[in-house]
């Protein structure tokens, strides 16, 4: 089966390369690489910010937004490839699931950053949240 898949990939690649101009294939490939690179770069940059000042919080939130946008751009590019080049990208599904997981992670991370930023601006909110968490933990029965 692996040989059949490899042969099918070669056939699709050969058909694609002869059916469309080389420049458009390179443009699409470059876009995917650039968006993927931007995604990794934005996540890494946001992760390096320690958020000790208001500007640092804002910068991290903007980088998290950019990373979420990168995922949307990757998805759009893949949809374009599927429709324009008429290619079956069923193999893309596992990557699609990974992108969805990453997007959900980024949304949770951003929500946490926004909460921390709000608590940075209003320290009484953090004290209130910690108090509620402590009360919730003390109400839970301990497992034996």
C-alpha atoms as a PDB file:
ATOM      1  CA  UNK A   1       0.000   0.000   0.000  1.00  0.00           C
ATOM      2  CA  UNK A   2       2.890   2.369   0.767  1.00  0.00           C
ATOM      3  CA  UNK A   3       4.198   1.933  -2.796  1.00  0.00           C
ATOM      4  CA  UNK A   4       0.749   2.713  -4.185  1.00  0.00           C
ATOM      5  CA  UNK A   5       0.525   5.856  -2.043  1.00  0.00           C
ATOM      6  CA  UNK A   6       3.999   6.928  -3.124  1.00  0.00           C
ATOM      7  CA  UNK A   7       3.100   6.332  -6.779  1.00  0.00           C
ATOM      8  CA  UNK A   8      -0.169   8.261  -6.372  1.00  0.00           C
ATOM      9  CA  UNK A   9       1.745  11.155  -4.822  1.00  0.00           C
ATOM     10  CA  UNK A  10       4.184  11.203  -7.729  1.00  0.00           C
ATOM     11  CA  UNK A  11       1.321  11.115 -10.250  1.00  0.00           C
ATOM     12  CA  UNK A  12      -0.461  13.993  -8.495  1.00  0.00           C
ATOM     13  CA  UNK A  13       2.764  15.975  -8.290  1.00  0.00           C
ATOM     14  CA  UNK A  14       3.574  15.430 -11.981  1.00  0.00           C
ATOM     15  CA  UNK A  15       0.015  16.321 -13.015  1.00  0.00           C
ATOM     16  CA  UNK A  16       0.041  19.450 -10.872  1.00  0.00           C
ATOM     17  CA  UNK A  17       3.415  20.627 -12.149  1.00  0.00           C
ATOM     18  CA  UNK A  18       2.403  20.290 -15.798  1.00  0.00           C
ATOM     19  CA  UNK A  19      -1.121  21.654 -15.406  1.00  0.00           C
ATOM     20  CA  UNK A  20      -0.265  24.947 -13.681  1.00  0.00           C
ATOM     21  CA  UNK A  21       2.492  27.519 -14.092  1.00  0.00           C
ATOM     22  CA  UNK A  22       5.443  26.986 -11.800  1.00  0.00           C
ATOM     23  CA  UNK A  23       5.198  30.501 -10.345  1.00  0.00           C
ATOM     24  CA  UNK A  24       1.749  29.898  -8.836  1.00  0.00           C
ATOM     25  CA  UNK A  25       2.843  26.619  -7.250  1.00  0.00           C
ATOM     26  CA  UNK A  26       5.878  28.344  -5.750  1.00  0.00           C
ATOM     27  CA  UNK A  27       3.739  31.266  -4.551  1.00  0.00           C
ATOM     28  CA  UNK A  28       1.318  28.949  -2.738  1.00  0.00           C
ATOM     29  CA  UNK A  29       4.168  26.929  -1.234  1.00  0.00           C
ATOM     30  CA  UNK A  30       5.931  30.118  -0.113  1.00  0.00           C
ATOM     31  CA  UNK A  31       2.703  31.397   1.465  1.00  0.00           C
ATOM     32  CA  UNK A  32       2.244  28.194   3.455  1.00  0.00           C
ATOM     33  CA  UNK A  33       5.836  28.248   4.666  1.00  0.00           C
ATOM     34  CA  UNK A  34       5.640  31.950   5.557  1.00  0.00           C
ATOM     35  CA  UNK A  35       2.354  31.574   7.489  1.00  0.00           C
ATOM     36  CA  UNK A  36       3.681  28.519   9.325  1.00  0.00           C
ATOM     37  CA  UNK A  37       6.909  30.321  10.157  1.00  0.00           C
ATOM     38  CA  UNK A  38       4.974  33.377  11.350  1.00  0.00           C
ATOM     39  CA  UNK A  39       2.808  31.155  13.563  1.00  0.00           C
ATOM     40  CA  UNK A  40       5.824  29.628  15.286  1.00  0.00           C
ATOM     41  CA  UNK A  41       7.537  33.012  15.560  1.00  0.00           C
ATOM     42  CA  UNK A  42       4.496  34.742  17.087  1.00  0.00           C
ATOM     43  CA  UNK A  43       3.946  31.955  19.629  1.00  0.00           C
ATOM     44  CA  UNK A  44       7.623  31.954  20.628  1.00  0.00           C
ATOM     45  CA  UNK A  45       7.773  35.746  20.909  1.00  0.00           C
ATOM     46  CA  UNK A  46       4.595  35.912  23.010  1.00  0.00           C
ATOM     47  CA  UNK A  47       5.890  33.162  25.259  1.00  0.00           C
ATOM     48  CA  UNK A  48       9.111  35.087  25.955  1.00  0.00           C
ATOM     49  CA  UNK A  49       7.261  38.131  27.321  1.00  0.00           C
ATOM     50  CA  UNK A  50       7.108  38.048  31.122  1.00  0.00           C
ATOM     51  CA  UNK A  51       4.253  40.598  31.407  1.00  0.00           C
ATOM     52  CA  UNK A  52       5.444  42.844  34.201  1.00  0.00           C
ATOM     53  CA  UNK A  53       4.198  46.085  32.632  1.00  0.00           C
ATOM     54  CA  UNK A  54       1.067  47.208  30.841  1.00  0.00           C
ATOM     55  CA  UNK A  55       2.930  47.435  27.517  1.00  0.00           C
ATOM     56  CA  UNK A  56       4.205  43.857  27.894  1.00  0.00           C
ATOM     57  CA  UNK A  57       0.666  42.570  28.440  1.00  0.00           C
ATOM     58  CA  UNK A  58      -0.573  44.421  25.374  1.00  0.00           C
ATOM     59  CA  UNK A  59       2.328  43.158  23.246  1.00  0.00           C
ATOM     60  CA  UNK A  60       1.695  39.543  24.315  1.00  0.00           C
ATOM     61  CA  UNK A  61      -2.028  39.820  23.557  1.00  0.00           C
ATOM     62  CA  UNK A  62      -1.270  41.263  20.109  1.00  0.00           C
ATOM     63  CA  UNK A  63       1.194  38.448  19.369  1.00  0.00           C
ATOM     64  CA  UNK A  64      -1.398  35.880  20.479  1.00  0.00           C
ATOM     65  CA  UNK A  65      -3.898  37.524  18.102  1.00  0.00           C
ATOM     66  CA  UNK A  66      -1.331  37.383  15.307  1.00  0.00           C
ATOM     67  CA  UNK A  67      -0.758  33.666  15.934  1.00  0.00           C
ATOM     68  CA  UNK A  68      -4.508  32.993  15.777  1.00  0.00           C
ATOM     69  CA  UNK A  69      -4.594  34.958  12.521  1.00  0.00           C
ATOM     70  CA  UNK A  70      -1.720  32.873  11.153  1.00  0.00           C
ATOM     71  CA  UNK A  71      -3.786  29.734  11.682  1.00  0.00           C
ATOM     72  CA  UNK A  72      -6.679  31.314   9.769  1.00  0.00           C
ATOM     73  CA  UNK A  73      -4.313  32.227   6.906  1.00  0.00           C
ATOM     74  CA  UNK A  74      -2.948  28.681   6.744  1.00  0.00           C
ATOM     75  CA  UNK A  75      -6.500  27.303   6.572  1.00  0.00           C
ATOM     76  CA  UNK A  76      -7.487  29.758   3.837  1.00  0.00           C
ATOM     77  CA  UNK A  77      -4.415  28.895   1.788  1.00  0.00           C
ATOM     78  CA  UNK A  78      -5.194  25.177   2.052  1.00  0.00           C
ATOM     79  CA  UNK A  79      -8.807  25.784   0.968  1.00  0.00           C
ATOM     80  CA  UNK A  80      -7.505  27.777  -1.992  1.00  0.00           C
ATOM     81  CA  UNK A  81      -5.186  24.919  -2.931  1.00  0.00           C
ATOM     82  CA  UNK A  82      -8.020  22.394  -2.733  1.00  0.00           C
ATOM     83  CA  UNK A  83     -10.382  24.445  -4.866  1.00  0.00           C
ATOM     84  CA  UNK A  84      -8.006  26.042  -7.357  1.00  0.00           C
ATOM     85  CA  UNK A  85      -5.773  23.056  -7.994  1.00  0.00           C
ATOM     86  CA  UNK A  86      -8.588  20.513  -7.567  1.00  0.00           C
ATOM     87  CA  UNK A  87      -6.495  18.370  -5.227  1.00  0.00           C
ATOM     88  CA  UNK A  88      -7.833  15.950  -2.648  1.00  0.00           C
ATOM     89  CA  UNK A  89      -6.194  16.956   0.596  1.00  0.00           C
ATOM     90  CA  UNK A  90      -7.669  14.244   2.795  1.00  0.00           C
ATOM     91  CA  UNK A  91      -4.141  13.735   4.166  1.00  0.00           C
ATOM     92  CA  UNK A  92      -4.375  17.321   5.390  1.00  0.00           C
ATOM     93  CA  UNK A  93      -7.039  16.317   7.936  1.00  0.00           C
ATOM     94  CA  UNK A  94      -4.550  15.322  10.636  1.00  0.00           C
ATOM     95  CA  UNK A  95      -2.865  18.721  10.245  1.00  0.00           C
ATOM     96  CA  UNK A  96      -6.252  20.393  10.332  1.00  0.00           C
ATOM     97  CA  UNK A  97      -7.000  18.733  13.661  1.00  0.00           C
ATOM     98  CA  UNK A  98      -3.615  19.864  14.999  1.00  0.00           C
ATOM     99  CA  UNK A  99      -4.302  23.420  13.825  1.00  0.00           C
ATOM    100  CA  UNK A 100      -7.677  23.335  15.584  1.00  0.00           C
ATOM    101  CA  UNK A 101      -6.041  22.135  18.812  1.00  0.00           C
ATOM    102  CA  UNK A 102      -3.416  24.858  18.522  1.00  0.00           C
ATOM    103  CA  UNK A 103      -6.073  27.501  17.872  1.00  0.00           C
ATOM    104  CA  UNK A 104      -8.050  26.375  20.928  1.00  0.00           C
ATOM    105  CA  UNK A 105      -4.870  26.446  23.009  1.00  0.00           C
ATOM    106  CA  UNK A 106      -4.129  29.970  21.792  1.00  0.00           C
ATOM    107  CA  UNK A 107      -7.647  31.159  22.641  1.00  0.00           C
ATOM    108  CA  UNK A 108      -7.312  29.753  26.189  1.00  0.00           C
ATOM    109  CA  UNK A 109      -3.843  31.276  26.528  1.00  0.00           C
ATOM    110  CA  UNK A 110      -5.123  34.661  25.347  1.00  0.00           C
ATOM    111  CA  UNK A 111      -8.094  34.460  27.727  1.00  0.00           C
ATOM    112  CA  UNK A 112      -5.659  33.782  30.574  1.00  0.00           C
ATOM    113  CA  UNK A 113      -3.429  36.674  29.506  1.00  0.00           C
ATOM    114  CA  UNK A 114      -6.405  39.038  29.314  1.00  0.00           C
ATOM    115  CA  UNK A 115      -7.519  37.912  32.802  1.00  0.00           C
ATOM    116  CA  UNK A 116      -4.005  38.467  34.150  1.00  0.00           C
ATOM    117  CA  UNK A 117      -3.882  41.882  32.469  1.00  0.00           C
ATOM    118  CA  UNK A 118      -7.217  42.837  34.026  1.00  0.00           C
ATOM    119  CA  UNK A 119      -5.927  41.706  37.431  1.00  0.00           C
ATOM    120  CA  UNK A 120      -2.723  43.681  36.828  1.00  0.00           C
ATOM    121  CA  UNK A 121      -4.815  46.807  36.273  1.00  0.00           C
ATOM    122  CA  UNK A 122      -7.190  45.971  39.156  1.00  0.00           C
ATOM    123  CA  UNK A 123      -5.268  44.028  41.859  1.00  0.00           C
ATOM    124  CA  UNK A 124      -8.418  43.605  43.960  1.00  0.00           C
ATOM    125  CA  UNK A 125      -9.814  41.280  41.285  1.00  0.00           C
ATOM    126  CA  UNK A 126      -6.880  38.911  41.702  1.00  0.00           C
ATOM    127  CA  UNK A 127      -7.350  38.805  45.465  1.00  0.00           C
ATOM    128  CA  UNK A 128     -11.059  38.077  44.971  1.00  0.00           C
ATOM    129  CA  UNK A 129     -10.363  35.291  42.440  1.00  0.00           C
ATOM    130  CA  UNK A 130      -7.772  33.658  44.695  1.00  0.00           C
ATOM    131  CA  UNK A 131     -10.195  33.815  47.611  1.00  0.00           C
ATOM    132  CA  UNK A 132     -12.918  32.132  45.547  1.00  0.00           C
ATOM    133  CA  UNK A 133     -10.504  29.416  44.394  1.00  0.00           C
ATOM    134  CA  UNK A 134      -9.414  28.788  47.984  1.00  0.00           C
ATOM    135  CA  UNK A 135     -13.043  28.536  49.137  1.00  0.00           C
ATOM    136  CA  UNK A 136     -13.863  26.158  46.271  1.00  0.00           C
ATOM    137  CA  UNK A 137     -10.933  23.908  47.140  1.00  0.00           C
ATOM    138  CA  UNK A 138     -11.867  23.812  50.816  1.00  0.00           C
ATOM    139  CA  UNK A 139     -15.454  22.746  49.939  1.00  0.00           C
ATOM    140  CA  UNK A 140     -14.320  19.756  47.885  1.00  0.00           C
ATOM    141  CA  UNK A 141     -14.302  16.538  49.865  1.00  0.00           C
ATOM    142  CA  UNK A 142     -10.878  14.948  50.017  1.00  0.00           C
ATOM    143  CA  UNK A 143     -10.510  11.560  48.301  1.00  0.00           C
ATOM    144  CA  UNK A 144      -9.268   8.742  50.474  1.00  0.00           C
END
